[in-house]
């Protein structure tokens, strides 16, 4: 079942799944891990977005995201919802090989409880997509491409873009359908940033 959660006339689409909790062993370290999203549209590489996560702000979300990256969970998923001056959303496993109408409704069975903070949803902030249940983050995420402070205290921000916002801007500018899904699939792979 699709759930649309409205915010001042805008909506985020996420899937509805049963709530489970993170295992206590899945704790993020105190450092701020970085990840590289390589973005492709068709055979063209649009570029890379480098993320820095905030384990001191949202340890459960950081641990969940890090575990999913290690599994290759995000590889070949799509940015399935792009809204200019707002955000780009992706990370749904349905977008790998399921019909487009299911994109945005999938997620990992393990869910993370909300970790609201004083971090504002400013341009470049990484945050957790969810259903109308604040404790339903299952891996889908969004990157703010404009100010979205109206989400503060309602969504769990857990990182930021440190480089590559021009790539996010290219994604959000892509021609899209009535569901804000890019007409030509924009896919991603996510890997830990190498520490040379």
Protein backbone atom coordinates (compact mmCIF):
# COMPACT_ATOMS: atom_id res chain seq x y z
CA UNK A 1 0.00 0.00 0.00
CA UNK A 2 1.30 3.44 -0.90
CA UNK A 3 1.30 6.15 1.72
CA UNK A 4 1.68 9.80 0.84
CA UNK A 5 2.79 12.05 3.68
CA UNK A 6 1.98 15.71 3.04
CA UNK A 7 4.18 18.64 4.02
CA UNK A 8 2.89 22.09 3.15
CA UNK A 9 1.44 20.89 -0.15
CA UNK A 10 4.38 18.60 -0.97
CA UNK A 11 4.42 14.86 -0.44
CA UNK A 12 6.98 12.17 0.21
CA UNK A 13 6.17 8.66 -0.90
CA UNK A 14 7.29 5.72 1.19
CA UNK A 15 6.27 2.11 1.79
CA UNK A 16 4.28 0.72 4.69
CA UNK A 17 5.97 -2.13 6.53
CA UNK A 18 5.86 -3.74 9.95
CA UNK A 19 8.00 -2.06 12.58
CA UNK A 20 11.07 -3.83 13.94
CA UNK A 21 13.94 -2.47 15.97
CA UNK A 22 17.64 -2.19 15.28
CA UNK A 23 19.80 -4.75 17.06
CA UNK A 24 21.73 -3.18 19.93
CA UNK A 25 25.00 -4.43 18.41
CA UNK A 26 24.46 -2.23 15.35
CA UNK A 27 25.99 0.92 16.76
CA UNK A 28 27.78 3.54 14.68
CA UNK A 29 31.25 4.62 15.65
CA UNK A 30 31.94 8.13 16.88
CA UNK A 31 33.74 9.17 13.70
CA UNK A 32 31.84 10.62 10.77
CA UNK A 33 31.88 8.04 7.97
CA UNK A 34 31.78 9.22 4.38
CA UNK A 35 30.19 7.54 1.38
CA UNK A 36 30.26 8.17 -2.36
CA UNK A 37 27.09 7.95 -4.44
CA UNK A 38 27.93 7.41 -8.11
CA UNK A 39 24.96 8.61 -10.17
CA UNK A 40 24.15 7.34 -13.67
CA UNK A 41 21.40 8.05 -16.17
CA UNK A 42 21.37 5.37 -18.83
CA UNK A 43 25.02 4.83 -19.79
CA UNK A 44 26.07 8.36 -18.76
CA UNK A 45 27.76 8.99 -15.40
CA UNK A 46 26.29 12.23 -14.03
CA UNK A 47 28.91 12.42 -11.28
CA UNK A 48 29.47 11.69 -7.62
CA UNK A 49 27.82 12.92 -4.43
CA UNK A 50 29.94 12.59 -1.28
CA UNK A 51 28.03 12.17 1.98
CA UNK A 52 29.27 12.62 5.54
CA UNK A 53 27.08 10.93 8.16
CA UNK A 54 26.34 12.12 11.70
CA UNK A 55 26.53 9.20 14.15
CA UNK A 56 26.51 11.66 17.04
CA UNK A 57 23.11 12.97 15.87
CA UNK A 58 21.34 9.83 14.57
CA UNK A 59 23.34 6.71 15.45
CA UNK A 60 20.57 4.25 14.54
CA UNK A 61 20.08 5.74 11.10
CA UNK A 62 23.80 5.87 10.43
CA UNK A 63 24.23 2.23 11.50
CA UNK A 64 21.32 1.12 9.30
CA UNK A 65 22.55 3.05 6.25
CA UNK A 66 26.13 1.81 6.73
CA UNK A 67 24.96 -1.80 6.99
CA UNK A 68 22.88 -1.48 3.84
CA UNK A 69 25.80 0.00 1.89
CA UNK A 70 28.00 -2.92 3.02
CA UNK A 71 25.37 -5.33 1.63
CA UNK A 72 25.17 -3.54 -1.73
CA UNK A 73 21.52 -2.82 -0.94
CA UNK A 74 21.47 0.53 -2.76
CA UNK A 75 23.35 -0.52 -5.87
CA UNK A 76 21.22 -0.03 -9.00
CA UNK A 77 18.36 1.57 -7.08
CA UNK A 78 16.91 4.79 -8.48
CA UNK A 79 16.28 8.34 -7.48
CA UNK A 80 12.56 7.77 -7.94
CA UNK A 81 11.17 11.10 -6.70
CA UNK A 82 12.66 14.49 -7.58
CA UNK A 83 11.04 17.80 -6.71
CA UNK A 84 12.80 21.04 -7.71
CA UNK A 85 13.65 23.39 -4.83
CA UNK A 86 12.86 20.58 -2.39
CA UNK A 87 14.56 17.18 -2.54
CA UNK A 88 15.65 14.04 -4.40
CA UNK A 89 14.55 10.70 -2.91
CA UNK A 90 15.91 7.24 -3.56
CA UNK A 91 17.07 3.94 -2.14
CA UNK A 92 13.98 1.80 -2.75
CA UNK A 93 14.92 -1.80 -3.67
CA UNK A 94 11.77 -2.00 -5.82
CA UNK A 95 13.42 0.43 -8.22
CA UNK A 96 16.04 -2.17 -9.18
CA UNK A 97 13.74 -4.40 -11.21
CA UNK A 98 10.10 -3.97 -10.20
CA UNK A 99 7.43 -2.03 -12.15
CA UNK A 100 7.81 1.76 -11.93
CA UNK A 101 4.46 2.14 -10.17
CA UNK A 102 5.92 0.26 -7.17
CA UNK A 103 8.94 2.56 -6.84
CA UNK A 104 8.77 4.36 -3.52
CA UNK A 105 6.77 1.66 -1.75
CA UNK A 106 9.62 -0.70 -0.83
CA UNK A 107 12.12 -0.85 1.97
CA UNK A 108 14.27 -3.03 4.17
CA UNK A 109 12.29 -5.11 6.71
CA UNK A 110 14.40 -3.73 9.56
CA UNK A 111 13.07 -0.34 10.69
CA UNK A 112 14.72 2.44 12.71
CA UNK A 113 13.09 4.57 15.38
CA UNK A 114 12.97 8.32 14.84
CA UNK A 115 16.01 10.33 15.94
CA UNK A 116 14.83 13.90 15.72
CA UNK A 117 17.42 16.61 16.40
CA UNK A 118 18.03 20.32 16.11
CA UNK A 119 19.70 19.83 12.72
CA UNK A 120 17.76 21.81 10.15
CA UNK A 121 16.76 20.39 6.77
CA UNK A 122 18.84 22.89 4.83
CA UNK A 123 20.17 22.42 1.32
CA UNK A 124 22.54 19.44 1.25
CA UNK A 125 21.13 17.65 4.30
CA UNK A 126 20.57 13.88 4.09
CA UNK A 127 17.43 12.66 5.85
CA UNK A 128 15.33 9.54 6.31
CA UNK A 129 12.21 8.97 4.21
CA UNK A 130 9.41 7.24 6.06
CA UNK A 131 5.68 6.55 6.14
CA UNK A 132 3.30 8.47 8.41
CA UNK A 133 4.85 6.46 11.26
CA UNK A 134 7.91 8.41 12.48
CA UNK A 135 9.55 5.10 13.45
CA UNK A 136 9.39 3.51 10.00
CA UNK A 137 12.71 4.39 8.31
CA UNK A 138 13.66 1.36 6.22
CA UNK A 139 16.47 2.65 4.03
CA UNK A 140 14.90 5.16 1.66
CA UNK A 141 16.52 8.57 2.01
CA UNK A 142 16.34 12.03 0.56
CA UNK A 143 18.79 14.86 -0.04
CA UNK A 144 17.47 18.39 0.30
CA UNK A 145 18.21 20.54 -2.76
CA UNK A 146 16.45 23.54 -1.21
CA UNK A 147 15.51 24.68 2.26
CA UNK A 148 13.02 22.24 3.82
CA UNK A 149 13.00 23.52 7.40
CA UNK A 150 9.29 22.65 7.61
CA UNK A 151 10.48 19.03 8.04
CA UNK A 152 12.55 19.88 11.13
CA UNK A 153 11.52 17.85 14.16
CA UNK A 154 9.47 15.48 11.96
CA UNK A 155 12.17 13.72 9.95
CA UNK A 156 15.50 12.28 11.06
CA UNK A 157 18.42 14.12 9.47
CA UNK A 158 21.51 11.92 9.60
CA UNK A 159 24.13 13.43 7.31
CA UNK A 160 25.11 16.02 4.75
CA UNK A 161 26.54 16.38 1.28
CA UNK A 162 30.16 17.54 1.42
CA UNK A 163 30.65 17.64 -2.35
CA UNK A 164 28.62 17.01 -5.46
CA UNK A 165 25.56 19.18 -4.97
CA UNK A 166 25.82 20.04 -8.67
CA UNK A 167 25.05 16.34 -9.32
CA UNK A 168 22.01 16.50 -7.04
CA UNK A 169 20.93 19.60 -8.96
CA UNK A 170 21.26 17.70 -12.25
CA UNK A 171 19.13 14.88 -10.83
CA UNK A 172 16.36 17.20 -9.64
CA UNK A 173 16.34 19.01 -13.00
CA UNK A 174 15.71 15.83 -14.97
CA UNK A 175 12.42 15.66 -16.92
CA UNK A 176 9.89 13.74 -14.82
CA UNK A 177 6.41 12.29 -14.94
CA UNK A 178 3.32 13.24 -12.92
CA UNK A 179 4.66 11.25 -9.95
CA UNK A 180 7.93 13.23 -9.99
CA UNK A 181 9.78 10.13 -11.20
CA UNK A 182 12.51 10.92 -13.78
CA UNK A 183 11.43 9.77 -17.25
CA UNK A 184 14.80 8.11 -17.78
CA UNK A 185 15.91 6.09 -14.76
CA UNK A 186 18.62 7.73 -12.66
CA UNK A 187 20.43 4.97 -10.78
CA UNK A 188 23.04 4.93 -8.06
CA UNK A 189 25.72 2.87 -6.42
CA UNK A 190 26.95 3.75 -2.93
CA UNK A 191 30.37 2.82 -1.57
CA UNK A 192 32.39 3.89 1.45
CA UNK A 193 34.77 6.72 0.61
CA UNK A 194 38.30 5.35 0.50
CA UNK A 195 40.64 6.78 3.12
CA UNK A 196 43.90 7.23 1.29
